[in-house]
Protein backbone atom coordinates (compact mmCIF):
# COMPACT_ATOMS: atom_id res chain seq x y z
CA MET A 1 -14.81 3.98 41.48
CA GLY A 2 -18.58 3.42 40.93
CA LEU A 3 -19.51 6.77 42.47
CA ILE A 4 -17.04 8.64 40.30
CA SER A 5 -18.28 7.02 37.12
CA GLU A 6 -21.89 7.77 38.10
CA VAL A 7 -21.05 11.43 38.67
CA LEU A 8 -19.15 11.65 35.38
CA LEU A 9 -21.99 9.95 33.48
CA LEU A 10 -24.75 11.99 35.15
CA PRO A 11 -25.10 14.37 32.19
CA PHE A 12 -25.99 11.35 30.04
CA ALA A 13 -28.80 10.18 32.33
CA PRO A 14 -31.58 11.63 30.11
CA VAL A 15 -30.12 9.80 27.10
CA ARG A 16 -30.01 6.51 29.00
CA GLY A 17 -33.59 7.06 30.18
CA SER A 18 -34.75 7.86 26.65
CA ALA A 19 -33.02 4.77 25.28
CA TRP A 20 -34.77 2.62 27.88
CA ALA A 21 -38.15 4.14 27.00
CA ILE A 22 -37.56 3.58 23.28
CA ARG A 23 -36.64 -0.08 23.92
CA GLN A 24 -39.85 -0.55 25.94
CA VAL A 25 -41.99 0.97 23.19
CA LEU A 26 -40.33 -1.19 20.54
CA GLN A 27 -40.84 -4.35 22.60
CA GLU A 28 -44.53 -3.57 23.07
CA ALA A 29 -44.97 -2.74 19.38
CA GLU A 30 -43.37 -6.07 18.40
CA ARG A 31 -45.53 -7.93 20.90
CA ILE A 32 -48.67 -6.43 19.37
CA TYR A 33 -47.41 -6.85 15.78
CA TYR A 34 -46.77 -10.57 16.27
CA ASP A 35 -49.77 -11.27 18.52
CA PRO A 36 -51.77 -14.09 16.86
CA ALA A 37 -55.07 -12.54 17.94
CA THR A 38 -54.14 -9.25 16.28
CA ILE A 39 -53.09 -11.02 13.09
CA ARG A 40 -56.32 -13.04 12.96
CA ALA A 41 -58.35 -9.85 13.43
CA GLU A 42 -56.45 -8.24 10.56
CA LEU A 43 -57.16 -11.29 8.40
CA GLY A 44 -60.84 -10.91 9.17
CA ARG A 45 -60.83 -7.22 8.25
CA LEU A 46 -58.94 -8.04 5.07
CA GLU A 47 -61.61 -10.56 4.07
CA GLU A 48 -64.32 -7.99 4.78
CA GLN A 49 -62.53 -5.49 2.54
CA LEU A 50 -62.39 -8.06 -0.26
CA GLU A 51 -66.07 -8.89 0.07
CA ALA A 52 -66.96 -5.18 0.09
CA GLY A 53 -64.96 -4.65 -3.09
CA GLU A 54 -62.52 -2.26 -1.40
CA ILE A 55 -59.49 -4.28 -2.51
CA THR A 56 -58.77 -6.54 -5.47
CA GLU A 57 -58.15 -10.27 -5.33
CA GLU A 58 -54.45 -9.65 -6.04
CA GLU A 59 -54.15 -7.17 -3.17
CA PHE A 60 -55.96 -9.60 -0.91
CA ASP A 61 -53.60 -12.44 -1.82
CA ARG A 62 -50.50 -10.29 -1.24
CA LEU A 63 -51.69 -8.90 2.08
CA GLU A 64 -52.94 -12.29 3.23
CA ASP A 65 -49.53 -13.82 2.50
CA GLU A 66 -47.85 -11.09 4.56
CA LEU A 67 -50.20 -11.71 7.48
CA LEU A 68 -49.75 -15.47 7.29
CA ASP A 69 -45.96 -14.99 7.29
CA ARG A 70 -46.31 -12.87 10.44
CA LEU A 71 -48.49 -15.54 12.01
CA GLU A 72 -45.91 -18.22 11.18
CA THR A 73 -43.13 -16.06 12.66
CA ALA A 74 -45.22 -15.55 15.79
CA SER A 75 -45.83 -19.29 16.07
CA ARG A 76 -42.12 -20.05 15.78
CA GLY A 77 -41.30 -17.39 18.38
CA SER A 78 -43.85 -18.64 20.91
CA ALA A 79 -42.81 -22.26 20.35
CA GLY A 80 -39.35 -21.34 21.56
CA THR A 81 -40.68 -19.75 24.76
CA GLY A 82 -43.01 -22.61 25.54
CA ASN A 83 -46.03 -20.47 26.36
CA GLY A 84 -47.74 -20.62 22.94
CA THR A 85 -50.62 -18.44 24.12
CA THR A 86 -51.23 -14.76 24.62
CA GLN A 87 -53.16 -13.00 27.31
């Protein structure tokens, strides 16, 4: 029965391969998005933009809050896995 189903589903192989690739890309994007080192670097750039006058204090506060929320989410996620550190 497995061989027959594989033959019947063969035309869908590119779709299954594409879905796998999309899942891998999304996982990597989330890993980078929630990486504490990335978030800290973004906080540093945000502070530089404020000091250079490129953004207002209100924009800084809003963006900083978003980054700190991401950092908190990342901390909660890594606490559940037990590794707590990134590479």
